[in-house]
Amino acid sequence: MFSTRIEPLARAHAMHLAKKDDPGELAWTTGLLGQALYDSGRDRARGRTLVQEAEHYMRSDERLEVELRDLRQWKEKRRLR
């Protein structure tokens, strides 16, 4: 299930990076890609790094309050810091 999400999320992430898009959209996409990479086991180290980056940027964007809460719950379930 998670591995099927990786390619579309990777494309969306690259698009947001290239366009220097809305930082909130980039943070949200980064978090989703990180979660997919981690949960699939495909690249847990990169997934963890992307989740940490996403969390950092989500903290500074009020619009992402719900997404930040969801990301933190995801981390807690996996015992990640």
C-alpha atoms as a PDB file:
ATOM      1  CA  MET A   1       0.000   0.000   0.000  1.00  0.00           C
ATOM      2  CA  PHE A   2       2.658   2.531   1.011  1.00  0.00           C
ATOM      3  CA  SER A   3       4.973   1.695  -1.871  1.00  0.00           C
ATOM      4  CA  THR A   4       2.273   2.642  -4.402  1.00  0.00           C
ATOM      5  CA  ARG A   5       2.155   6.142  -2.883  1.00  0.00           C
ATOM      6  CA  ILE A   6       5.880   6.802  -3.123  1.00  0.00           C
ATOM      7  CA  GLU A   7       6.218   7.645  -6.829  1.00  0.00           C
ATOM      8  CA  PRO A   8       3.286  10.095  -7.015  1.00  0.00           C
ATOM      9  CA  LEU A   9       4.394  11.733  -3.765  1.00  0.00           C
ATOM     10  CA  ALA A  10       7.995  11.963  -4.985  1.00  0.00           C
ATOM     11  CA  ARG A  11       6.793  13.711  -8.156  1.00  0.00           C
ATOM     12  CA  ALA A  12       4.613  16.114  -6.172  1.00  0.00           C
ATOM     13  CA  HIS A  13       7.477  16.819  -3.779  1.00  0.00           C
ATOM     14  CA  ALA A  14       9.865  17.545  -6.661  1.00  0.00           C
ATOM     15  CA  MET A  15       7.272  19.827  -8.275  1.00  0.00           C
ATOM     16  CA  HIS A  16       6.799  21.855  -5.081  1.00  0.00           C
ATOM     17  CA  LEU A  17      10.576  22.149  -4.658  1.00  0.00           C
ATOM     18  CA  ALA A  18      11.100  23.268  -8.252  1.00  0.00           C
ATOM     19  CA  LYS A  19       8.297  25.824  -8.176  1.00  0.00           C
ATOM     20  CA  LYS A  20       9.359  27.154  -4.773  1.00  0.00           C
ATOM     21  CA  ASP A  21       5.706  26.705  -4.044  1.00  0.00           C
ATOM     22  CA  ASP A  22       3.713  27.464  -0.962  1.00  0.00           C
ATOM     23  CA  PRO A  23       5.887  26.324   1.978  1.00  0.00           C
ATOM     24  CA  GLY A  24       2.862  24.746   3.623  1.00  0.00           C
ATOM     25  CA  GLU A  25       2.154  22.567   0.588  1.00  0.00           C
ATOM     26  CA  LEU A  26       5.805  21.590   0.439  1.00  0.00           C
ATOM     27  CA  ALA A  27       5.870  20.692   4.141  1.00  0.00           C
ATOM     28  CA  TRP A  28       2.712  18.612   3.858  1.00  0.00           C
ATOM     29  CA  THR A  29       3.963  16.735   0.782  1.00  0.00           C
ATOM     30  CA  THR A  30       7.362  16.230   2.394  1.00  0.00           C
ATOM     31  CA  GLY A  31       5.720  14.691   5.439  1.00  0.00           C
ATOM     32  CA  LEU A  32       3.563  12.340   3.377  1.00  0.00           C
ATOM     33  CA  LEU A  33       6.530  11.217   1.283  1.00  0.00           C
ATOM     34  CA  GLY A  34       8.590  10.652   4.424  1.00  0.00           C
ATOM     35  CA  GLN A  35       5.839   8.568   5.982  1.00  0.00           C
ATOM     36  CA  ALA A  36       5.458   6.465   2.832  1.00  0.00           C
ATOM     37  CA  LEU A  37       9.207   5.841   2.573  1.00  0.00           C
ATOM     38  CA  TYR A  38       9.432   4.890   6.235  1.00  0.00           C
ATOM     39  CA  ASP A  39       6.342   2.689   6.350  1.00  0.00           C
ATOM     40  CA  SER A  40       7.207   0.865   3.139  1.00  0.00           C
ATOM     41  CA  GLY A  41      10.680   0.063   4.468  1.00  0.00           C
ATOM     42  CA  ARG A  42      12.075   1.316   1.178  1.00  0.00           C
ATOM     43  CA  ASP A  43      14.268   4.022   2.721  1.00  0.00           C
ATOM     44  CA  ARG A  44      13.590   4.499   6.417  1.00  0.00           C
ATOM     45  CA  ALA A  45      16.512   6.866   6.984  1.00  0.00           C
ATOM     46  CA  ARG A  46      15.386   9.264   4.256  1.00  0.00           C
ATOM     47  CA  GLY A  47      11.779   8.905   5.378  1.00  0.00           C
ATOM     48  CA  ARG A  48      12.683   9.861   8.923  1.00  0.00           C
ATOM     49  CA  THR A  49      14.696  12.861   7.686  1.00  0.00           C
ATOM     50  CA  LEU A  50      11.827  14.084   5.511  1.00  0.00           C
ATOM     51  CA  VAL A  51       9.354  13.726   8.388  1.00  0.00           C
ATOM     52  CA  GLN A  52      11.648  15.781  10.634  1.00  0.00           C
ATOM     53  CA  GLU A  53      11.950  18.484   7.955  1.00  0.00           C
ATOM     54  CA  ALA A  54       8.195  18.545   7.473  1.00  0.00           C
ATOM     55  CA  GLU A  55       7.556  18.836  11.194  1.00  0.00           C
ATOM     56  CA  HIS A  56      10.003  21.733  11.452  1.00  0.00           C
ATOM     57  CA  TYR A  57       8.226  23.711   8.728  1.00  0.00           C
ATOM     58  CA  MET A  58       4.717  22.742   9.851  1.00  0.00           C
ATOM     59  CA  ARG A  59       5.376  24.248  13.287  1.00  0.00           C
ATOM     60  CA  SER A  60       5.720  27.687  11.701  1.00  0.00           C
ATOM     61  CA  ASP A  61       2.533  27.495   9.608  1.00  0.00           C
ATOM     62  CA  GLU A  62      -0.737  27.916  11.509  1.00  0.00           C
ATOM     63  CA  ARG A  63      -2.682  26.474   8.580  1.00  0.00           C
ATOM     64  CA  LEU A  64      -1.064  23.084   9.165  1.00  0.00           C
ATOM     65  CA  GLU A  65      -2.153  22.603  12.758  1.00  0.00           C
ATOM     66  CA  VAL A  66      -4.179  19.460  11.964  1.00  0.00           C
ATOM     67  CA  GLU A  67      -1.482  18.030   9.690  1.00  0.00           C
ATOM     68  CA  LEU A  68       1.164  18.671  12.358  1.00  0.00           C
ATOM     69  CA  ARG A  69      -0.953  16.875  14.964  1.00  0.00           C
ATOM     70  CA  ASP A  70      -1.412  13.927  12.568  1.00  0.00           C
ATOM     71  CA  LEU A  71       2.315  13.800  11.825  1.00  0.00           C
ATOM     72  CA  ARG A  72       3.167  13.789  15.515  1.00  0.00           C
ATOM     73  CA  GLN A  73       0.671  10.974  16.154  1.00  0.00           C
ATOM     74  CA  TRP A  74       2.228   9.009  13.299  1.00  0.00           C
ATOM     75  CA  LYS A  75       5.665   9.501  14.895  1.00  0.00           C
ATOM     76  CA  GLU A  76       4.415   8.463  18.347  1.00  0.00           C
ATOM     77  CA  LYS A  77       2.979   5.213  16.963  1.00  0.00           C
ATOM     78  CA  ARG A  78       6.405   4.381  15.559  1.00  0.00           C
ATOM     79  CA  ARG A  79       8.258   5.615  18.636  1.00  0.00           C
ATOM     80  CA  LEU A  80      10.183   8.201  16.591  1.00  0.00           C
ATOM     81  CA  ARG A  81      11.474  11.423  18.067  1.00  0.00           C
END
